[in-house]
């Protein structure tokens, strides 16, 4: 019989707890990656991808007829659309612009496109005029000679029938140098 107290068990040492935990963690990450790939790349028999599943419609459905198509648009809002004619008051015909506006049902849409000289550290701004008032709308965006402005808001502007495009050196509430002026 051997004396077990005299035996050396260090040759048969088990891996430390940190190595075991690390191996289990790596194994879980690999299994998770495989499951994610399988779920996202393979459809497992479903038609379609993601949350859309195509199925056959039930049998025996009967079509529905609409008696009058005029009732479909009932309650709609008729928008008024106008175009502006501009006059170049600064560059002798080099500056050109088109503007259109639509309004109705408490909605106002303004679209301005312009070909203007490069402003060189200044800004182009659009203003609406009418009833002895001039109100700023916004600064135009663009570069070189192509400039534009898009506005969609509640209808606060339909009573103004004039439009200005000015060259602004400071961003304030006063129009500085008028480039184009027009009316709707």
C-alpha atoms as a PDB file:
ATOM      1  CA  UNK A   1       0.000   0.000   0.000  1.00  0.00           C
ATOM      2  CA  UNK A   2       1.109   3.455  -0.775  1.00  0.00           C
ATOM      3  CA  UNK A   3       0.989   6.350   1.563  1.00  0.00           C
ATOM      4  CA  UNK A   4      -1.087   9.038  -0.187  1.00  0.00           C
ATOM      5  CA  UNK A   5       0.420  11.695   2.027  1.00  0.00           C
ATOM      6  CA  UNK A   6       3.797  11.151   0.328  1.00  0.00           C
ATOM      7  CA  UNK A   7       2.479  11.482  -3.248  1.00  0.00           C
ATOM      8  CA  UNK A   8       3.084  14.583  -5.418  1.00  0.00           C
ATOM      9  CA  UNK A   9      -0.089  15.767  -7.081  1.00  0.00           C
ATOM     10  CA  UNK A  10       1.380  18.971  -8.569  1.00  0.00           C
ATOM     11  CA  UNK A  11       2.079  17.207 -11.908  1.00  0.00           C
ATOM     12  CA  UNK A  12      -1.634  16.597 -12.259  1.00  0.00           C
ATOM     13  CA  UNK A  13      -2.671  20.215 -11.395  1.00  0.00           C
ATOM     14  CA  UNK A  14      -6.007  21.452 -12.653  1.00  0.00           C
ATOM     15  CA  UNK A  15      -6.174  24.704 -14.625  1.00  0.00           C
ATOM     16  CA  UNK A  16      -6.734  27.788 -12.488  1.00  0.00           C
ATOM     17  CA  UNK A  17     -10.204  29.280 -12.084  1.00  0.00           C
ATOM     18  CA  UNK A  18      -9.355  32.340 -14.184  1.00  0.00           C
ATOM     19  CA  UNK A  19      -8.312  30.184 -17.146  1.00  0.00           C
ATOM     20  CA  UNK A  20     -11.506  28.156 -16.845  1.00  0.00           C
ATOM     21  CA  UNK A  21     -13.679  31.282 -16.700  1.00  0.00           C
ATOM     22  CA  UNK A  22     -11.792  32.777 -19.666  1.00  0.00           C
ATOM     23  CA  UNK A  23     -12.358  29.628 -21.736  1.00  0.00           C
ATOM     24  CA  UNK A  24     -16.068  29.576 -20.902  1.00  0.00           C
ATOM     25  CA  UNK A  25     -16.361  33.278 -21.803  1.00  0.00           C
ATOM     26  CA  UNK A  26     -14.663  32.725 -25.185  1.00  0.00           C
ATOM     27  CA  UNK A  27     -16.930  29.742 -25.848  1.00  0.00           C
ATOM     28  CA  UNK A  28     -20.058  31.827 -25.043  1.00  0.00           C
ATOM     29  CA  UNK A  29     -18.914  34.619 -27.379  1.00  0.00           C
ATOM     30  CA  UNK A  30     -18.337  32.150 -30.215  1.00  0.00           C
ATOM     31  CA  UNK A  31     -21.735  30.486 -29.696  1.00  0.00           C
ATOM     32  CA  UNK A  32     -23.420  33.931 -29.546  1.00  0.00           C
ATOM     33  CA  UNK A  33     -21.737  35.028 -32.782  1.00  0.00           C
ATOM     34  CA  UNK A  34     -22.835  31.825 -34.542  1.00  0.00           C
ATOM     35  CA  UNK A  35     -26.443  32.291 -33.361  1.00  0.00           C
ATOM     36  CA  UNK A  36     -26.470  35.967 -34.407  1.00  0.00           C
ATOM     37  CA  UNK A  37     -25.109  35.114 -37.850  1.00  0.00           C
ATOM     38  CA  UNK A  38     -27.574  32.283 -38.295  1.00  0.00           C
ATOM     39  CA  UNK A  39     -30.541  34.458 -37.292  1.00  0.00           C
ATOM     40  CA  UNK A  40     -29.596  37.513 -39.320  1.00  0.00           C
ATOM     41  CA  UNK A  41     -28.322  35.833 -42.495  1.00  0.00           C
ATOM     42  CA  UNK A  42     -30.524  32.781 -42.785  1.00  0.00           C
ATOM     43  CA  UNK A  43     -34.309  32.963 -42.976  1.00  0.00           C
ATOM     44  CA  UNK A  44     -35.123  29.506 -41.632  1.00  0.00           C
ATOM     45  CA  UNK A  45     -38.019  28.956 -44.040  1.00  0.00           C
ATOM     46  CA  UNK A  46     -39.726  32.363 -43.803  1.00  0.00           C
ATOM     47  CA  UNK A  47     -40.506  34.316 -46.943  1.00  0.00           C
ATOM     48  CA  UNK A  48     -39.224  37.855 -46.610  1.00  0.00           C
ATOM     49  CA  UNK A  49     -36.735  39.344 -44.222  1.00  0.00           C
ATOM     50  CA  UNK A  50     -36.909  41.082 -40.889  1.00  0.00           C
ATOM     51  CA  UNK A  51     -40.370  41.680 -39.479  1.00  0.00           C
ATOM     52  CA  UNK A  52     -42.199  41.291 -42.801  1.00  0.00           C
ATOM     53  CA  UNK A  53     -43.691  37.859 -43.327  1.00  0.00           C
ATOM     54  CA  UNK A  54     -45.618  37.120 -46.508  1.00  0.00           C
ATOM     55  CA  UNK A  55     -48.574  34.794 -46.210  1.00  0.00           C
ATOM     56  CA  UNK A  56     -51.320  33.703 -48.540  1.00  0.00           C
ATOM     57  CA  UNK A  57     -54.566  35.666 -48.235  1.00  0.00           C
ATOM     58  CA  UNK A  58     -57.613  33.849 -46.894  1.00  0.00           C
ATOM     59  CA  UNK A  59     -59.822  32.170 -49.497  1.00  0.00           C
ATOM     60  CA  UNK A  60     -63.289  33.452 -50.367  1.00  0.00           C
ATOM     61  CA  UNK A  61     -62.688  37.196 -50.011  1.00  0.00           C
ATOM     62  CA  UNK A  62     -65.150  39.395 -51.883  1.00  0.00           C
ATOM     63  CA  UNK A  63     -64.088  42.674 -53.572  1.00  0.00           C
ATOM     64  CA  UNK A  64     -65.434  45.950 -52.215  1.00  0.00           C
ATOM     65  CA  UNK A  65     -66.718  48.545 -54.681  1.00  0.00           C
ATOM     66  CA  UNK A  66     -66.676  52.293 -54.114  1.00  0.00           C
ATOM     67  CA  UNK A  67     -69.874  53.955 -55.291  1.00  0.00           C
ATOM     68  CA  UNK A  68     -68.522  57.443 -55.914  1.00  0.00           C
ATOM     69  CA  UNK A  69     -64.861  58.378 -56.133  1.00  0.00           C
ATOM     70  CA  UNK A  70     -65.673  62.053 -55.470  1.00  0.00           C
ATOM     71  CA  UNK A  71     -66.218  61.267 -51.793  1.00  0.00           C
ATOM     72  CA  UNK A  72     -62.642  60.024 -51.454  1.00  0.00           C
ATOM     73  CA  UNK A  73     -61.216  63.554 -51.669  1.00  0.00           C
ATOM     74  CA  UNK A  74     -63.888  65.106 -49.470  1.00  0.00           C
ATOM     75  CA  UNK A  75     -62.402  67.321 -46.785  1.00  0.00           C
ATOM     76  CA  UNK A  76     -59.191  68.027 -48.721  1.00  0.00           C
ATOM     77  CA  UNK A  77     -57.577  71.451 -48.828  1.00  0.00           C
ATOM     78  CA  UNK A  78     -57.086  73.354 -52.071  1.00  0.00           C
ATOM     79  CA  UNK A  79     -53.670  75.060 -52.107  1.00  0.00           C
ATOM     80  CA  UNK A  80     -53.183  78.278 -54.063  1.00  0.00           C
ATOM     81  CA  UNK A  81     -49.921  78.306 -56.022  1.00  0.00           C
ATOM     82  CA  UNK A  82     -48.249  81.454 -57.346  1.00  0.00           C
ATOM     83  CA  UNK A  83     -45.022  82.231 -59.215  1.00  0.00           C
ATOM     84  CA  UNK A  84     -42.936  85.378 -58.674  1.00  0.00           C
ATOM     85  CA  UNK A  85     -41.434  87.518 -61.426  1.00  0.00           C
ATOM     86  CA  UNK A  86     -38.093  89.095 -60.428  1.00  0.00           C
ATOM     87  CA  UNK A  87     -36.256  92.195 -61.606  1.00  0.00           C
ATOM     88  CA  UNK A  88     -32.471  92.567 -61.205  1.00  0.00           C
ATOM     89  CA  UNK A  89     -31.877  95.973 -59.587  1.00  0.00           C
ATOM     90  CA  UNK A  90     -28.152  95.634 -58.924  1.00  0.00           C
ATOM     91  CA  UNK A  91     -26.183  93.572 -61.477  1.00  0.00           C
ATOM     92  CA  UNK A  92     -27.822  94.610 -64.758  1.00  0.00           C
ATOM     93  CA  UNK A  93     -29.393  91.250 -65.584  1.00  0.00           C
ATOM     94  CA  UNK A  94     -26.695  88.874 -64.222  1.00  0.00           C
ATOM     95  CA  UNK A  95     -28.806  87.961 -61.200  1.00  0.00           C
ATOM     96  CA  UNK A  96     -31.790  85.696 -61.915  1.00  0.00           C
ATOM     97  CA  UNK A  97     -34.263  83.950 -59.661  1.00  0.00           C
ATOM     98  CA  UNK A  98     -37.485  81.986 -59.628  1.00  0.00           C
ATOM     99  CA  UNK A  99     -39.835  81.707 -56.678  1.00  0.00           C
ATOM    100  CA  UNK A 100     -43.058  79.845 -56.100  1.00  0.00           C
ATOM    101  CA  UNK A 101     -45.332  79.692 -53.139  1.00  0.00           C
ATOM    102  CA  UNK A 102     -48.297  77.555 -52.158  1.00  0.00           C
ATOM    103  CA  UNK A 103     -50.646  78.278 -49.294  1.00  0.00           C
ATOM    104  CA  UNK A 104     -53.954  77.160 -47.866  1.00  0.00           C
ATOM    105  CA  UNK A 105     -55.222  75.148 -44.925  1.00  0.00           C
ATOM    106  CA  UNK A 106     -52.791  76.931 -42.550  1.00  0.00           C
ATOM    107  CA  UNK A 107     -49.805  75.768 -44.614  1.00  0.00           C
ATOM    108  CA  UNK A 108     -47.273  77.974 -46.425  1.00  0.00           C
ATOM    109  CA  UNK A 109     -44.590  76.619 -48.756  1.00  0.00           C
ATOM    110  CA  UNK A 110     -41.983  78.905 -50.341  1.00  0.00           C
ATOM    111  CA  UNK A 111     -39.318  77.787 -52.798  1.00  0.00           C
ATOM    112  CA  UNK A 112     -36.669  80.177 -54.173  1.00  0.00           C
ATOM    113  CA  UNK A 113     -33.867  79.284 -56.632  1.00  0.00           C
ATOM    114  CA  UNK A 114     -31.382  81.925 -57.738  1.00  0.00           C
ATOM    115  CA  UNK A 115     -28.292  82.407 -59.865  1.00  0.00           C
ATOM    116  CA  UNK A 116     -26.338  85.167 -58.148  1.00  0.00           C
ATOM    117  CA  UNK A 117     -22.714  86.343 -58.147  1.00  0.00           C
ATOM    118  CA  UNK A 118     -20.435  84.729 -55.544  1.00  0.00           C
ATOM    119  CA  UNK A 119     -21.078  86.788 -52.374  1.00  0.00           C
ATOM    120  CA  UNK A 120     -17.499  86.642 -50.928  1.00  0.00           C
ATOM    121  CA  UNK A 121     -17.989  86.652 -47.132  1.00  0.00           C
ATOM    122  CA  UNK A 122     -21.513  88.041 -47.287  1.00  0.00           C
ATOM    123  CA  UNK A 123     -24.939  86.386 -47.286  1.00  0.00           C
ATOM    124  CA  UNK A 124     -28.054  86.334 -49.440  1.00  0.00           C
ATOM    125  CA  UNK A 125     -31.334  86.679 -47.570  1.00  0.00           C
ATOM    126  CA  UNK A 126     -34.968  86.382 -48.682  1.00  0.00           C
ATOM    127  CA  UNK A 127     -37.552  88.903 -47.456  1.00  0.00           C
ATOM    128  CA  UNK A 128     -41.307  89.171 -47.973  1.00  0.00           C
ATOM    129  CA  UNK A 129     -42.946  92.578 -48.367  1.00  0.00           C
ATOM    130  CA  UNK A 130     -46.497  93.872 -48.182  1.00  0.00           C
ATOM    131  CA  UNK A 131     -48.733  96.180 -46.166  1.00  0.00           C
ATOM    132  CA  UNK A 132     -45.776  98.588 -45.741  1.00  0.00           C
ATOM    133  CA  UNK A 133     -43.823  95.862 -43.932  1.00  0.00           C
ATOM    134  CA  UNK A 134     -40.626  93.978 -44.755  1.00  0.00           C
ATOM    135  CA  UNK A 135     -40.108  90.712 -42.878  1.00  0.00           C
ATOM    136  CA  UNK A 136     -37.040  88.459 -43.050  1.00  0.00           C
ATOM    137  CA  UNK A 137     -37.641  84.840 -44.033  1.00  0.00           C
ATOM    138  CA  UNK A 138     -34.211  83.172 -43.927  1.00  0.00           C
ATOM    139  CA  UNK A 139     -30.735  83.166 -45.427  1.00  0.00           C
ATOM    140  CA  UNK A 140     -30.243  81.286 -48.673  1.00  0.00           C
ATOM    141  CA  UNK A 141     -27.998  78.231 -48.842  1.00  0.00           C
ATOM    142  CA  UNK A 142     -25.643  77.350 -51.656  1.00  0.00           C
ATOM    143  CA  UNK A 143     -22.230  78.231 -53.020  1.00  0.00           C
ATOM    144  CA  UNK A 144     -20.575  80.051 -55.904  1.00  0.00           C
ATOM    145  CA  UNK A 145     -23.508  81.191 -58.080  1.00  0.00           C
ATOM    146  CA  UNK A 146     -26.237  78.674 -57.170  1.00  0.00           C
ATOM    147  CA  UNK A 147     -28.447  79.635 -54.208  1.00  0.00           C
ATOM    148  CA  UNK A 148     -31.763  78.365 -52.878  1.00  0.00           C
ATOM    149  CA  UNK A 149     -34.235  78.570 -50.006  1.00  0.00           C
ATOM    150  CA  UNK A 150     -37.019  76.196 -48.963  1.00  0.00           C
ATOM    151  CA  UNK A 151     -39.604  77.118 -46.343  1.00  0.00           C
ATOM    152  CA  UNK A 152     -42.529  75.062 -45.079  1.00  0.00           C
ATOM    153  CA  UNK A 153     -44.410  76.501 -42.117  1.00  0.00           C
ATOM    154  CA  UNK A 154     -47.758  77.626 -40.787  1.00  0.00           C
ATOM    155  CA  UNK A 155     -49.380  80.250 -42.972  1.00  0.00           C
ATOM    156  CA  UNK A 156     -48.140  83.575 -41.599  1.00  0.00           C
ATOM    157  CA  UNK A 157     -46.967  84.938 -44.938  1.00  0.00           C
ATOM    158  CA  UNK A 158     -49.748  84.644 -47.558  1.00  0.00           C
ATOM    159  CA  UNK A 159     -50.773  88.305 -47.127  1.00  0.00           C
ATOM    160  CA  UNK A 160     -47.297  89.445 -48.291  1.00  0.00           C
ATOM    161  CA  UNK A 161     -47.198  89.693 -52.076  1.00  0.00           C
ATOM    162  CA  UNK A 162     -43.690  91.092 -52.622  1.00  0.00           C
ATOM    163  CA  UNK A 163     -40.350  89.294 -52.368  1.00  0.00           C
ATOM    164  CA  UNK A 164     -36.778  90.602 -52.081  1.00  0.00           C
ATOM    165  CA  UNK A 165     -33.372  88.958 -52.235  1.00  0.00           C
ATOM    166  CA  UNK A 166     -30.727  91.071 -50.541  1.00  0.00           C
ATOM    167  CA  UNK A 167     -26.982  90.945 -50.007  1.00  0.00           C
ATOM    168  CA  UNK A 168     -26.315  91.057 -46.266  1.00  0.00           C
ATOM    169  CA  UNK A 169     -23.033  91.849 -44.554  1.00  0.00           C
ATOM    170  CA  UNK A 170     -24.457  91.386 -41.050  1.00  0.00           C
ATOM    171  CA  UNK A 171     -27.098  88.971 -39.860  1.00  0.00           C
ATOM    172  CA  UNK A 172     -29.667  91.368 -38.450  1.00  0.00           C
ATOM    173  CA  UNK A 173     -33.311  92.340 -38.968  1.00  0.00           C
ATOM    174  CA  UNK A 174     -32.622  95.110 -41.520  1.00  0.00           C
ATOM    175  CA  UNK A 175     -32.380  94.616 -45.300  1.00  0.00           C
ATOM    176  CA  UNK A 176     -29.103  96.000 -46.628  1.00  0.00           C
ATOM    177  CA  UNK A 177     -28.463  95.812 -50.401  1.00  0.00           C
ATOM    178  CA  UNK A 178     -31.362  94.765 -52.635  1.00  0.00           C
ATOM    179  CA  UNK A 179     -30.286  92.484 -55.501  1.00  0.00           C
ATOM    180  CA  UNK A 180     -33.620  91.205 -56.848  1.00  0.00           C
ATOM    181  CA  UNK A 181     -37.165  92.319 -56.210  1.00  0.00           C
ATOM    182  CA  UNK A 182     -40.363  90.699 -57.358  1.00  0.00           C
ATOM    183  CA  UNK A 183     -44.021  90.086 -56.708  1.00  0.00           C
ATOM    184  CA  UNK A 184     -46.414  87.154 -56.706  1.00  0.00           C
END
